[in-house]
C-alpha cells in the first residue's frame, strides 16, 4: 500500500509539474516573493501615463510586474532641479510633479514602488551645478532641502517602498571614488569632505582610506523622514572585482558606523559576448547579504559593448551585426544570460529584480540604441528572452 501511495504521489507530482509551466503566463505569475519591477517614465518611449504607447505600456506592466521603478532624475524627465542657478540658497526649489504622478498611479494599482535616483555624478544635474563653487555648508543645505522636498511631497516618504538614493559614485571599473570637479563624470558632492574608514578591513580588502561624508548625510537625512528601504547602487559590480570590493568596503563602513542602509543594487547592464561566471554572481550576492543588506538587481538588460574607449570611437550596431547568423548568435547568448542571471539571483535570495525597460527599438536617448536588448519586440510580441526569464522564474519558485 505504501509503495502504491508513493507511485501515485510521484505521478501526481510529475503531472502537476508538467502542467505548471505555461508559456502564456505572465512574469509575475512565477515571481512568488521576488518583487519584479520595470523602469517607467511619465511620457516618452517608456511612458505609462501619456504618449502614443502609454496604453500598451501600462497593459504590459500591469500584466507582468508587481512594481515599477520610477526614473526621475535631477535634470532629466520632469527633473527635480531648477533649470538655472537660483540667486540665493533660499530660492532653491524642487519640482516633484513628475515623480508624484507616477507614485500616485502606482499606489492606485497596488504596485511596489522604487524611485531612481537623487544623488549622482555631475552629468545627471543641470550644467550650472557642475560649475558652481558652493561651500560645504551650502551643499549640505541643498542636500537636505532636496531630500526633504522629494520625500515629503505627496507623502512619498510613506508611498514609495524603496529609494535608490545614491548611484555611480565609483570610478568606471575601479573601487575608488570619483573625483570632485566640473567634469560630467565628477561628483560635486565630494566637496563636502571625507571621513575615516571604519570597515575594519585590512590589506588588499581595504580599497579606500576614507569615504565621502555626503553618503552618510544622505542616508541619515532620508532615514529621519522615512522608514522605506534605502539603497545604493552602481554598475560593473555584480560579478565581483575591484569595484565591487570598493562598494563592499563602503557598506561595511556604513554598518560599523551605524549609518542606515538597507539594500545595494547591481545594475546589470550586461553584454552578450562576455562569458559570465554565475558562481561569482551567487557568491557576491551572498557576501553583501551577510553584511545585513538586501541585494537588488536594478537595471537588467543584455546588449552589446559598443563603447569604444582609449580614444577609439563608439561602434555602431551595424559594425558588429553583419548577417542573420550574427543576430541568431546574439539572441542565443542573450537568452542564456537572461536565464542564468534570473536563476542565480533567485537562488541567492535577491529580493527585487528590475529590468531597464522591456521593449526593443525604443531606447531612452542612445542607450542600447538598435541593440534589441530587451524582452519583447517593438510590437510587444514576446521574444525568446521573455520566455528565458519566465522559465528561470518558474524553475526557482519557492
Protein backbone atom coordinates (compact mmCIF):
# COMPACT_ATOMS: atom_id res chain seq x y z
CA UNK A 1 0.00 0.00 0.00
CA UNK A 2 2.86 2.35 0.90
CA UNK A 3 4.58 1.62 -2.44
CA UNK A 4 1.34 2.31 -4.33
CA UNK A 5 0.93 5.58 -2.44
CA UNK A 6 4.47 6.66 -3.39
CA UNK A 7 3.88 5.78 -7.05
CA UNK A 8 0.67 7.82 -7.09
CA UNK A 9 2.44 10.72 -5.36
CA UNK A 10 5.28 10.71 -7.89
CA UNK A 11 2.89 10.52 -10.87
CA UNK A 12 0.73 13.29 -9.42
CA UNK A 13 3.78 15.50 -8.77
CA UNK A 14 5.04 14.99 -12.30
CA UNK A 15 1.65 15.81 -13.78
CA UNK A 16 1.35 18.95 -11.68
CA UNK A 17 4.92 19.96 -12.55
CA UNK A 18 4.30 19.39 -16.25
CA UNK A 19 1.13 21.46 -16.12
CA UNK A 20 2.58 24.28 -14.07
CA UNK A 21 4.89 25.79 -16.65
CA UNK A 22 2.81 27.72 -19.14
CA UNK A 23 4.47 29.94 -21.73
CA UNK A 24 1.31 32.03 -21.77
CA UNK A 25 1.72 33.01 -18.14
CA UNK A 26 2.92 36.42 -17.06
CA UNK A 27 6.30 37.02 -15.44
CA UNK A 28 4.79 37.84 -12.07
CA UNK A 29 2.80 34.59 -12.03
CA UNK A 30 6.05 32.78 -11.22
CA UNK A 31 7.79 35.51 -9.22
CA UNK A 32 6.41 34.45 -5.82
CA UNK A 33 8.09 36.58 -3.13
CA UNK A 34 10.52 38.24 -5.54
CA UNK A 35 9.49 41.78 -6.43
CA UNK A 36 9.57 42.31 -10.21
CA UNK A 37 9.68 45.87 -11.47
CA UNK A 38 10.34 47.64 -14.75
CA UNK A 39 11.76 51.10 -15.37
CA UNK A 40 9.00 53.56 -16.32
CA UNK A 41 8.53 57.25 -17.02
CA UNK A 42 5.58 59.60 -17.31
CA UNK A 43 5.98 60.18 -21.04
CA UNK A 44 8.32 59.30 -23.88
CA UNK A 45 9.11 55.79 -25.08
CA UNK A 46 8.84 54.23 -21.61
CA UNK A 47 5.69 56.13 -20.75
CA UNK A 48 2.87 54.68 -18.73
CA UNK A 49 0.86 57.88 -18.36
CA UNK A 50 1.00 59.81 -21.66
CA UNK A 51 2.09 59.29 -25.23
CA UNK A 52 1.24 57.07 -28.18
CA UNK A 53 2.41 53.87 -26.45
CA UNK A 54 1.28 54.62 -22.89
CA UNK A 55 -1.78 52.36 -23.05
CA UNK A 56 0.19 49.40 -24.36
CA UNK A 57 2.99 50.01 -21.87
CA UNK A 58 0.57 50.18 -18.95
CA UNK A 59 -1.08 46.96 -20.07
CA UNK A 60 2.24 45.11 -20.30
CA UNK A 61 3.46 46.46 -16.95
CA UNK A 62 0.26 45.58 -15.10
CA UNK A 63 0.23 42.07 -16.57
CA UNK A 64 3.87 41.20 -15.87
CA UNK A 65 5.25 43.20 -12.93
CA UNK A 66 4.46 43.60 -9.27
CA UNK A 67 6.05 47.04 -9.18
CA UNK A 68 7.57 49.92 -11.11
CA UNK A 69 10.93 51.67 -10.96
CA UNK A 70 10.20 55.34 -11.48
CA UNK A 71 13.17 57.04 -13.13
CA UNK A 72 13.03 60.74 -12.40
CA UNK A 73 16.44 62.42 -12.36
CA UNK A 74 17.66 65.77 -11.05
CA UNK A 75 17.90 67.29 -14.55
CA UNK A 76 16.01 64.88 -16.85
CA UNK A 77 12.43 63.65 -17.29
CA UNK A 78 10.44 66.22 -15.34
CA UNK A 79 13.70 66.78 -13.46
CA UNK A 80 13.60 67.99 -9.89
CA UNK A 81 16.22 70.72 -10.12
CA UNK A 82 15.84 74.34 -11.24
CA UNK A 83 16.92 74.91 -14.84
CA UNK A 84 19.08 77.89 -13.94
CA UNK A 85 21.10 78.69 -10.83
CA UNK A 86 18.97 80.18 -8.05
CA UNK A 87 20.05 83.64 -6.92
CA UNK A 88 20.25 82.51 -3.29
CA UNK A 89 20.00 79.22 -1.41
CA UNK A 90 16.55 80.28 -0.20
CA UNK A 91 15.44 80.33 -3.83
CA UNK A 92 16.27 76.63 -4.26
CA UNK A 93 13.01 74.87 -5.13
CA UNK A 94 12.49 71.37 -6.48
CA UNK A 95 9.69 70.24 -8.79
CA UNK A 96 8.35 66.82 -7.81
CA UNK A 97 5.31 66.71 -10.12
CA UNK A 98 6.83 64.14 -12.49
CA UNK A 99 7.57 61.72 -9.67
CA UNK A 100 4.33 62.36 -7.82
CA UNK A 101 2.10 61.39 -10.73
CA UNK A 102 3.97 58.11 -11.20
CA UNK A 103 3.76 57.38 -7.49
CA UNK A 104 0.03 58.01 -7.39
CA UNK A 105 -0.56 55.76 -10.41
CA UNK A 106 1.48 53.02 -8.75
CA UNK A 107 -0.40 53.33 -5.46
CA UNK A 108 -3.73 53.20 -7.30
CA UNK A 109 -2.65 49.94 -8.96
CA UNK A 110 -1.16 48.35 -5.82
CA UNK A 111 2.37 48.34 -7.23
CA UNK A 112 5.63 48.12 -5.30
CA UNK A 113 7.38 51.45 -5.84
CA UNK A 114 11.11 52.14 -6.09
CA UNK A 115 12.50 55.52 -7.12
CA UNK A 116 15.75 56.09 -9.02
CA UNK A 117 17.54 58.44 -8.06
CA UNK A 118 18.69 61.58 -6.17
CA UNK A 119 22.49 61.69 -5.86
CA UNK A 120 24.71 61.06 -8.87
CA UNK A 121 27.80 62.23 -10.75
CA UNK A 122 27.54 65.75 -12.20
CA UNK A 123 26.16 64.74 -15.60
CA UNK A 124 22.75 63.99 -14.10
CA UNK A 125 22.39 67.58 -12.81
CA UNK A 126 21.98 70.89 -14.65
CA UNK A 127 25.24 72.17 -16.10
CA UNK A 128 25.26 75.21 -13.83
CA UNK A 129 25.67 72.93 -10.81
CA UNK A 130 28.85 71.37 -12.21
CA UNK A 131 30.45 74.80 -12.38
CA UNK A 132 29.24 76.02 -9.01
CA UNK A 133 31.53 76.89 -6.09
CA UNK A 134 29.22 76.17 -3.18
CA UNK A 135 30.78 75.75 0.24
CA UNK A 136 30.38 72.61 2.35
CA UNK A 137 27.65 74.35 4.28
CA UNK A 138 25.86 75.39 1.09
CA UNK A 139 25.99 71.85 -0.26
CA UNK A 140 24.64 70.48 2.99
CA UNK A 141 21.71 72.92 2.83
CA UNK A 142 20.99 71.97 -0.80
CA UNK A 143 21.27 68.24 0.04
CA UNK A 144 18.88 68.43 2.99
CA UNK A 145 16.30 70.52 1.14
CA UNK A 146 16.47 68.21 -1.90
CA UNK A 147 15.79 65.11 0.18
CA UNK A 148 13.06 66.78 2.22
CA UNK A 149 11.32 68.18 -0.88
CA UNK A 150 11.19 64.84 -2.71
CA UNK A 151 10.32 62.65 0.25
CA UNK A 152 7.70 64.82 1.94
CA UNK A 153 5.92 65.96 -1.22
CA UNK A 154 2.82 63.88 -1.96
CA UNK A 155 3.61 61.76 1.13
CA UNK A 156 6.23 59.99 -0.98
CA UNK A 157 8.05 59.00 2.20
CA UNK A 158 5.05 56.79 3.00
CA UNK A 159 4.01 55.73 -0.51
CA UNK A 160 7.39 54.77 -2.01
CA UNK A 161 8.70 51.41 -0.80
CA UNK A 162 12.38 51.89 -1.66
CA UNK A 163 14.58 54.86 -2.54
CA UNK A 164 17.69 54.44 -4.65
CA UNK A 165 19.39 57.47 -3.12
CA UNK A 166 22.98 57.20 -4.40
CA UNK A 167 24.20 55.93 -7.76
CA UNK A 168 27.52 55.58 -9.62
CA UNK A 169 29.90 57.27 -7.20
CA UNK A 170 32.77 54.87 -8.00
CA UNK A 171 35.24 55.19 -10.87
CA UNK A 172 34.30 53.27 -14.04
CA UNK A 173 35.94 49.90 -13.29
CA UNK A 174 37.73 50.61 -10.04
CA UNK A 175 36.86 50.60 -6.37
CA UNK A 176 37.98 54.21 -5.90
CA UNK A 177 35.63 57.14 -5.59
CA UNK A 178 35.08 59.60 -8.41
CA UNK A 179 36.77 62.97 -8.04
CA UNK A 180 35.19 66.27 -7.26
CA UNK A 181 35.35 68.72 -10.13
CA UNK A 182 33.48 70.36 -13.00
CA UNK A 183 33.54 67.47 -15.46
CA UNK A 184 30.43 65.39 -16.24
CA UNK A 185 31.87 62.24 -14.63
CA UNK A 186 32.94 64.05 -11.44
CA UNK A 187 30.85 64.23 -8.27
CA UNK A 188 30.35 67.73 -6.87
CA UNK A 189 29.10 66.27 -3.58
CA UNK A 190 32.64 65.10 -2.80
CA UNK A 191 33.35 68.73 -1.82
CA UNK A 192 31.54 68.01 1.45
CA UNK A 193 34.64 66.17 2.64
CA UNK A 194 35.65 62.69 3.74
CA UNK A 195 35.58 60.56 6.89
CA UNK A 196 37.99 57.89 8.08
CA UNK A 197 37.24 54.30 7.14
CA UNK A 198 35.65 52.14 9.84
CA UNK A 199 35.16 48.98 7.80
CA UNK A 200 37.77 47.08 9.77
CA UNK A 201 39.13 45.61 6.53
CA UNK A 202 42.87 45.28 6.05
CA UNK A 203 45.36 44.59 3.28
CA UNK A 204 44.02 44.20 -0.25
CA UNK A 205 40.44 44.27 1.05
CA UNK A 206 40.88 47.87 2.16
CA UNK A 207 40.41 49.79 -1.08
CA UNK A 208 39.88 53.30 0.33
CA UNK A 209 41.30 55.03 3.40
CA UNK A 210 38.36 57.44 3.56
CA UNK A 211 34.74 57.68 2.41
CA UNK A 212 32.74 60.70 1.20
CA UNK A 213 30.74 62.31 4.01
CA UNK A 214 27.80 63.12 1.77
CA UNK A 215 26.89 59.42 1.68
CA UNK A 216 26.26 59.40 5.40
CA UNK A 217 24.43 62.73 5.28
CA UNK A 218 22.11 61.48 2.55
CA UNK A 219 21.24 58.24 4.33
CA UNK A 220 20.75 59.82 7.74
CA UNK A 221 18.59 62.62 6.37
CA UNK A 222 16.44 60.17 4.42
CA UNK A 223 16.00 57.89 7.41
CA UNK A 224 14.79 60.82 9.51
CA UNK A 225 11.92 61.20 7.03
CA UNK A 226 11.03 57.64 6.01
CA UNK A 227 11.13 54.02 7.10
CA UNK A 228 11.26 52.90 3.44
CA UNK A 229 14.26 50.94 2.21
CA UNK A 230 17.36 52.98 1.37
CA UNK A 231 19.55 51.72 -1.47
CA UNK A 232 22.96 52.47 -3.02
CA UNK A 233 23.83 51.07 -6.47
CA UNK A 234 26.47 51.01 -9.18
CA UNK A 235 27.43 49.23 -12.40
CA UNK A 236 30.14 46.63 -13.10
CA UNK A 237 29.87 45.19 -9.59
CA UNK A 238 27.55 42.19 -9.92
CA UNK A 239 30.21 39.56 -10.60
CA UNK A 240 32.78 40.81 -8.10
CA UNK A 241 36.06 42.56 -8.80
CA UNK A 242 37.82 45.67 -7.57
CA UNK A 243 34.83 47.98 -7.95
CA UNK A 244 32.56 45.57 -6.12
CA UNK A 245 35.16 45.38 -3.35
CA UNK A 246 35.03 49.17 -3.04
CA UNK A 247 31.27 49.12 -2.57
CA UNK A 248 31.59 46.22 -0.13
CA UNK A 249 34.02 48.25 1.98
CA UNK A 250 31.67 51.26 1.93
CA UNK A 251 28.70 49.18 3.09
CA UNK A 252 30.78 47.60 5.84
CA UNK A 253 31.96 51.07 6.88
CA UNK A 254 28.37 52.34 6.99
CA UNK A 255 27.19 49.36 9.01
CA UNK A 256 30.02 49.74 11.54
CA UNK A 257 29.26 53.47 11.74
CA UNK A 258 25.55 52.80 12.48
CA UNK A 259 24.50 54.61 9.30
CA UNK A 260 21.19 53.34 7.89
CA UNK A 261 21.48 51.32 4.68
CA UNK A 262 19.01 48.61 3.68
CA UNK A 263 19.94 47.47 0.19
CA UNK A 264 22.51 47.61 -2.58
CA UNK A 265 21.76 47.42 -6.27
CA UNK A 266 23.62 45.60 -9.04
CA UNK A 267 22.78 47.49 -12.23
CA UNK A 268 23.44 44.52 -14.55
CA UNK A 269 23.77 46.22 -17.93
CA UNK A 270 25.28 43.10 -19.47
CA UNK A 271 26.88 42.25 -22.81
CA UNK A 272 26.16 39.20 -24.94
CA UNK A 273 29.82 38.46 -25.80
CA UNK A 274 31.01 38.08 -22.19
CA UNK A 275 31.30 34.66 -20.55
CA UNK A 276 29.87 35.49 -17.15
CA UNK A 277 30.68 33.33 -14.13
CA UNK A 278 27.38 32.85 -12.34
CA UNK A 279 29.04 31.26 -9.32
CA UNK A 280 30.81 34.58 -8.85
CA UNK A 281 27.44 36.35 -9.03
CA UNK A 282 25.96 33.99 -6.43
CA UNK A 283 28.91 34.40 -4.05
CA UNK A 284 28.93 38.17 -4.47
CA UNK A 285 25.24 38.40 -3.62
CA UNK A 286 25.79 36.28 -0.53
CA UNK A 287 28.72 38.29 0.80
CA UNK A 288 26.69 41.51 0.67
CA UNK A 289 23.71 39.81 2.30
CA UNK A 290 25.98 38.73 5.12
CA UNK A 291 26.59 42.41 5.87
CA UNK A 292 22.88 42.74 6.62
CA UNK A 293 21.67 44.36 3.39
CA UNK A 294 19.29 43.13 0.73
CA UNK A 295 20.56 42.78 -2.83
CA UNK A 296 18.55 44.11 -5.77
CA UNK A 297 19.10 43.53 -9.49
CA UNK A 298 18.16 47.02 -10.59
CA UNK A 299 18.79 47.77 -14.28
CA UNK A 300 18.90 44.49 -16.15
CA UNK A 301 19.34 44.44 -19.90
CA UNK A 302 21.53 42.41 -22.27
CA UNK A 303 23.04 44.17 -25.25
CA UNK A 304 26.34 44.91 -26.96
CA UNK A 305 29.51 46.54 -25.72
CA UNK A 306 29.95 49.31 -28.26
CA UNK A 307 31.58 51.89 -26.01
CA UNK A 308 34.98 52.04 -27.70
CA UNK A 309 37.29 53.69 -25.14
CA UNK A 310 41.00 54.53 -25.14
CA UNK A 311 40.38 57.18 -27.77
CA UNK A 312 38.51 54.82 -30.10
CA UNK A 313 35.11 55.95 -31.45
CA UNK A 314 31.96 54.23 -30.28
CA UNK A 315 30.91 51.42 -32.60
CA UNK A 316 27.54 51.11 -34.28
CA UNK A 317 25.36 48.01 -34.23
CA UNK A 318 26.00 47.62 -37.96
CA UNK A 319 29.73 47.33 -37.22
CA UNK A 320 29.06 44.17 -35.21
CA UNK A 321 25.89 42.64 -36.66
CA UNK A 322 26.52 41.97 -40.36
CA UNK A 323 24.31 38.95 -41.07
CA UNK A 324 21.34 36.97 -39.85
CA UNK A 325 23.70 34.42 -38.30
CA UNK A 326 25.27 37.22 -36.23
CA UNK A 327 21.85 38.14 -34.90
CA UNK A 328 20.98 34.47 -34.27
CA UNK A 329 24.15 34.05 -32.23
CA UNK A 330 23.41 37.29 -30.39
CA UNK A 331 19.88 36.26 -29.39
CA UNK A 332 21.01 32.79 -28.31
CA UNK A 333 23.61 34.27 -25.98
CA UNK A 334 21.21 36.97 -24.81
CA UNK A 335 18.63 34.36 -23.86
CA UNK A 336 21.23 32.37 -21.95
CA UNK A 337 22.37 35.41 -19.96
CA UNK A 338 18.85 36.45 -19.05
CA UNK A 339 18.06 32.92 -17.91
CA UNK A 340 21.19 32.48 -15.80
CA UNK A 341 21.08 35.90 -14.15
CA UNK A 342 17.46 35.45 -13.08
CA UNK A 343 18.04 31.87 -11.95
CA UNK A 344 21.17 32.73 -9.98
CA UNK A 345 19.65 35.83 -8.42
CA UNK A 346 16.59 33.94 -7.25
CA UNK A 347 18.61 31.04 -5.88
CA UNK A 348 20.78 33.51 -3.96
CA UNK A 349 17.78 35.24 -2.42
CA UNK A 350 17.71 38.53 -4.33
CA UNK A 351 14.55 40.31 -3.19
CA UNK A 352 13.94 42.68 -6.13
CA UNK A 353 14.66 42.33 -9.85
CA UNK A 354 14.09 45.23 -12.23
CA UNK A 355 14.69 45.31 -15.95
CA UNK A 356 15.70 48.56 -17.64
CA UNK A 357 12.64 48.64 -19.84
CA UNK A 358 11.10 45.73 -21.74
CA UNK A 359 10.52 46.76 -25.37
CA UNK A 360 13.05 46.71 -28.22
CA UNK A 361 13.70 49.60 -30.61
CA UNK A 362 12.61 52.27 -28.16
CA UNK A 363 15.76 53.11 -26.19
CA UNK A 364 15.99 56.13 -23.95
CA UNK A 365 18.20 58.53 -25.87
CA UNK A 366 21.06 56.50 -27.33
CA UNK A 367 21.11 53.89 -24.57
CA UNK A 368 21.40 50.46 -26.26
CA UNK A 369 20.11 52.06 -29.47
CA UNK A 370 19.13 49.39 -32.07
CA UNK A 371 20.61 46.64 -29.87
CA UNK A 372 17.34 44.77 -29.22
CA UNK A 373 18.42 44.34 -25.62
CA UNK A 374 15.04 43.71 -24.01
CA UNK A 375 12.28 41.11 -23.64
CA UNK A 376 9.68 41.95 -26.28
CA UNK A 377 9.70 43.23 -29.84
CA UNK A 378 8.58 46.69 -30.86
CA UNK A 379 5.08 45.33 -31.48
CA UNK A 380 5.03 43.83 -27.94
CA UNK A 381 5.29 40.26 -29.22
CA UNK A 382 7.38 38.16 -26.86
CA UNK A 383 10.96 37.28 -27.71
CA UNK A 384 12.74 34.15 -26.56
CA UNK A 385 14.39 36.38 -23.95
CA UNK A 386 10.97 36.79 -22.34
CA UNK A 387 10.50 33.02 -22.20
CA UNK A 388 14.02 32.57 -20.83
CA UNK A 389 13.17 34.87 -17.94
CA UNK A 390 9.81 33.18 -17.47
CA UNK A 391 11.43 29.71 -17.37
CA UNK A 392 14.06 30.85 -14.86
CA UNK A 393 11.37 32.27 -12.62
CA UNK A 394 9.33 29.07 -12.90
CA UNK A 395 12.28 26.83 -12.08
CA UNK A 396 13.22 28.83 -8.97
CA UNK A 397 9.80 29.09 -7.35
CA UNK A 398 9.79 28.53 -3.61
